[in-house]
């Protein structure tokens, strides 16, 4: 349970940080399409963070390959 809460907290923090940075960096006044781009980039950053955290904290030694049973 602690690992899940930690990952969720990290994802929320990454999303908020990226969205906040992009709102400050983009030239104003912002249009609806600008907010769409900000949300998309923040979501992409959070998803990449999720992928990296799940791979880094995985209990398996080799996440991408599965051994086949010999027949």
C-alpha atoms as a PDB file:
ATOM      1  CA  UNK A   1       0.000   0.000   0.000  1.00  0.00           C
ATOM      2  CA  UNK A   2       2.863   2.377   0.783  1.00  0.00           C
ATOM      3  CA  UNK A   3       4.472   1.862  -2.622  1.00  0.00           C
ATOM      4  CA  UNK A   4       1.200   2.653  -4.389  1.00  0.00           C
ATOM      5  CA  UNK A   5       0.626   5.819  -2.379  1.00  0.00           C
ATOM      6  CA  UNK A   6       4.187   6.926  -3.034  1.00  0.00           C
ATOM      7  CA  UNK A   7       3.859   6.424  -6.776  1.00  0.00           C
ATOM      8  CA  UNK A   8       0.501   8.231  -6.886  1.00  0.00           C
ATOM      9  CA  UNK A   9       1.950  11.118  -4.882  1.00  0.00           C
ATOM     10  CA  UNK A  10       4.930  11.371  -7.215  1.00  0.00           C
ATOM     11  CA  UNK A  11       2.656  11.373 -10.270  1.00  0.00           C
ATOM     12  CA  UNK A  12       0.450  14.132  -8.879  1.00  0.00           C
ATOM     13  CA  UNK A  13       3.536  16.161  -8.011  1.00  0.00           C
ATOM     14  CA  UNK A  14       5.037  15.716 -11.489  1.00  0.00           C
ATOM     15  CA  UNK A  15       1.752  16.635 -13.192  1.00  0.00           C
ATOM     16  CA  UNK A  16       1.297  19.775 -11.074  1.00  0.00           C
ATOM     17  CA  UNK A  17       4.917  20.843 -11.499  1.00  0.00           C
ATOM     18  CA  UNK A  18       4.924  20.447 -15.283  1.00  0.00           C
ATOM     19  CA  UNK A  19       1.555  22.171 -15.658  1.00  0.00           C
ATOM     20  CA  UNK A  20       2.649  25.043 -13.406  1.00  0.00           C
ATOM     21  CA  UNK A  21       5.932  25.503 -15.230  1.00  0.00           C
ATOM     22  CA  UNK A  22       4.228  25.501 -18.626  1.00  0.00           C
ATOM     23  CA  UNK A  23       1.568  28.015 -17.557  1.00  0.00           C
ATOM     24  CA  UNK A  24       4.343  30.384 -16.461  1.00  0.00           C
ATOM     25  CA  UNK A  25       6.556  29.802 -19.505  1.00  0.00           C
ATOM     26  CA  UNK A  26       3.942  30.089 -22.265  1.00  0.00           C
ATOM     27  CA  UNK A  27       3.245  33.589 -23.507  1.00  0.00           C
ATOM     28  CA  UNK A  28      -0.087  35.040 -22.416  1.00  0.00           C
ATOM     29  CA  UNK A  29      -2.914  35.520 -22.886  1.00  0.00           C
ATOM     30  CA  UNK A  30      -3.564  31.787 -23.002  1.00  0.00           C
ATOM     31  CA  UNK A  31      -6.263  30.364 -25.239  1.00  0.00           C
ATOM     32  CA  UNK A  32      -8.201  27.135 -24.795  1.00  0.00           C
ATOM     33  CA  UNK A  33      -5.821  25.316 -27.137  1.00  0.00           C
ATOM     34  CA  UNK A  34      -2.865  26.419 -24.977  1.00  0.00           C
ATOM     35  CA  UNK A  35      -4.446  24.824 -21.917  1.00  0.00           C
ATOM     36  CA  UNK A  36      -5.034  21.672 -23.973  1.00  0.00           C
ATOM     37  CA  UNK A  37      -1.341  21.528 -24.868  1.00  0.00           C
ATOM     38  CA  UNK A  38      -0.330  22.158 -21.239  1.00  0.00           C
ATOM     39  CA  UNK A  39      -2.557  19.333 -20.015  1.00  0.00           C
ATOM     40  CA  UNK A  40      -1.313  16.990 -22.715  1.00  0.00           C
ATOM     41  CA  UNK A  41       2.358  17.595 -21.953  1.00  0.00           C
ATOM     42  CA  UNK A  42       1.781  17.299 -18.195  1.00  0.00           C
ATOM     43  CA  UNK A  43      -0.093  14.016 -18.696  1.00  0.00           C
ATOM     44  CA  UNK A  44       2.682  12.684 -20.929  1.00  0.00           C
ATOM     45  CA  UNK A  45       5.294  13.568 -18.305  1.00  0.00           C
ATOM     46  CA  UNK A  46       3.245  11.846 -15.587  1.00  0.00           C
ATOM     47  CA  UNK A  47       2.819   8.710 -17.726  1.00  0.00           C
ATOM     48  CA  UNK A  48       6.557   8.531 -18.473  1.00  0.00           C
ATOM     49  CA  UNK A  49       7.234   8.945 -14.758  1.00  0.00           C
ATOM     50  CA  UNK A  50       4.797   6.127 -13.981  1.00  0.00           C
ATOM     51  CA  UNK A  51       6.505   3.837 -16.489  1.00  0.00           C
ATOM     52  CA  UNK A  52       9.974   4.591 -15.113  1.00  0.00           C
ATOM     53  CA  UNK A  53       8.891   4.154 -11.491  1.00  0.00           C
ATOM     54  CA  UNK A  54       7.159   0.843 -12.171  1.00  0.00           C
ATOM     55  CA  UNK A  55      10.202  -0.507 -14.005  1.00  0.00           C
ATOM     56  CA  UNK A  56      12.607   0.753 -11.334  1.00  0.00           C
ATOM     57  CA  UNK A  57      10.629  -0.698  -8.423  1.00  0.00           C
ATOM     58  CA  UNK A  58       9.754  -3.979 -10.088  1.00  0.00           C
ATOM     59  CA  UNK A  59      10.596  -7.141  -8.185  1.00  0.00           C
ATOM     60  CA  UNK A  60      11.485  -9.048 -11.358  1.00  0.00           C
ATOM     61  CA  UNK A  61      15.055  -8.887 -12.567  1.00  0.00           C
ATOM     62  CA  UNK A  62      14.130  -8.686 -16.255  1.00  0.00           C
ATOM     63  CA  UNK A  63      10.808  -6.971 -16.795  1.00  0.00           C
ATOM     64  CA  UNK A  64      10.601  -7.036 -20.599  1.00  0.00           C
ATOM     65  CA  UNK A  65      11.355 -10.696 -21.208  1.00  0.00           C
ATOM     66  CA  UNK A  66       9.670 -13.859 -19.976  1.00  0.00           C
ATOM     67  CA  UNK A  67      11.357 -17.219 -19.985  1.00  0.00           C
ATOM     68  CA  UNK A  68       9.590 -19.962 -21.845  1.00  0.00           C
ATOM     69  CA  UNK A  69       9.160 -23.347 -20.291  1.00  0.00           C
ATOM     70  CA  UNK A  70      11.126 -26.042 -22.069  1.00  0.00           C
ATOM     71  CA  UNK A  71       8.870 -28.533 -23.768  1.00  0.00           C
END
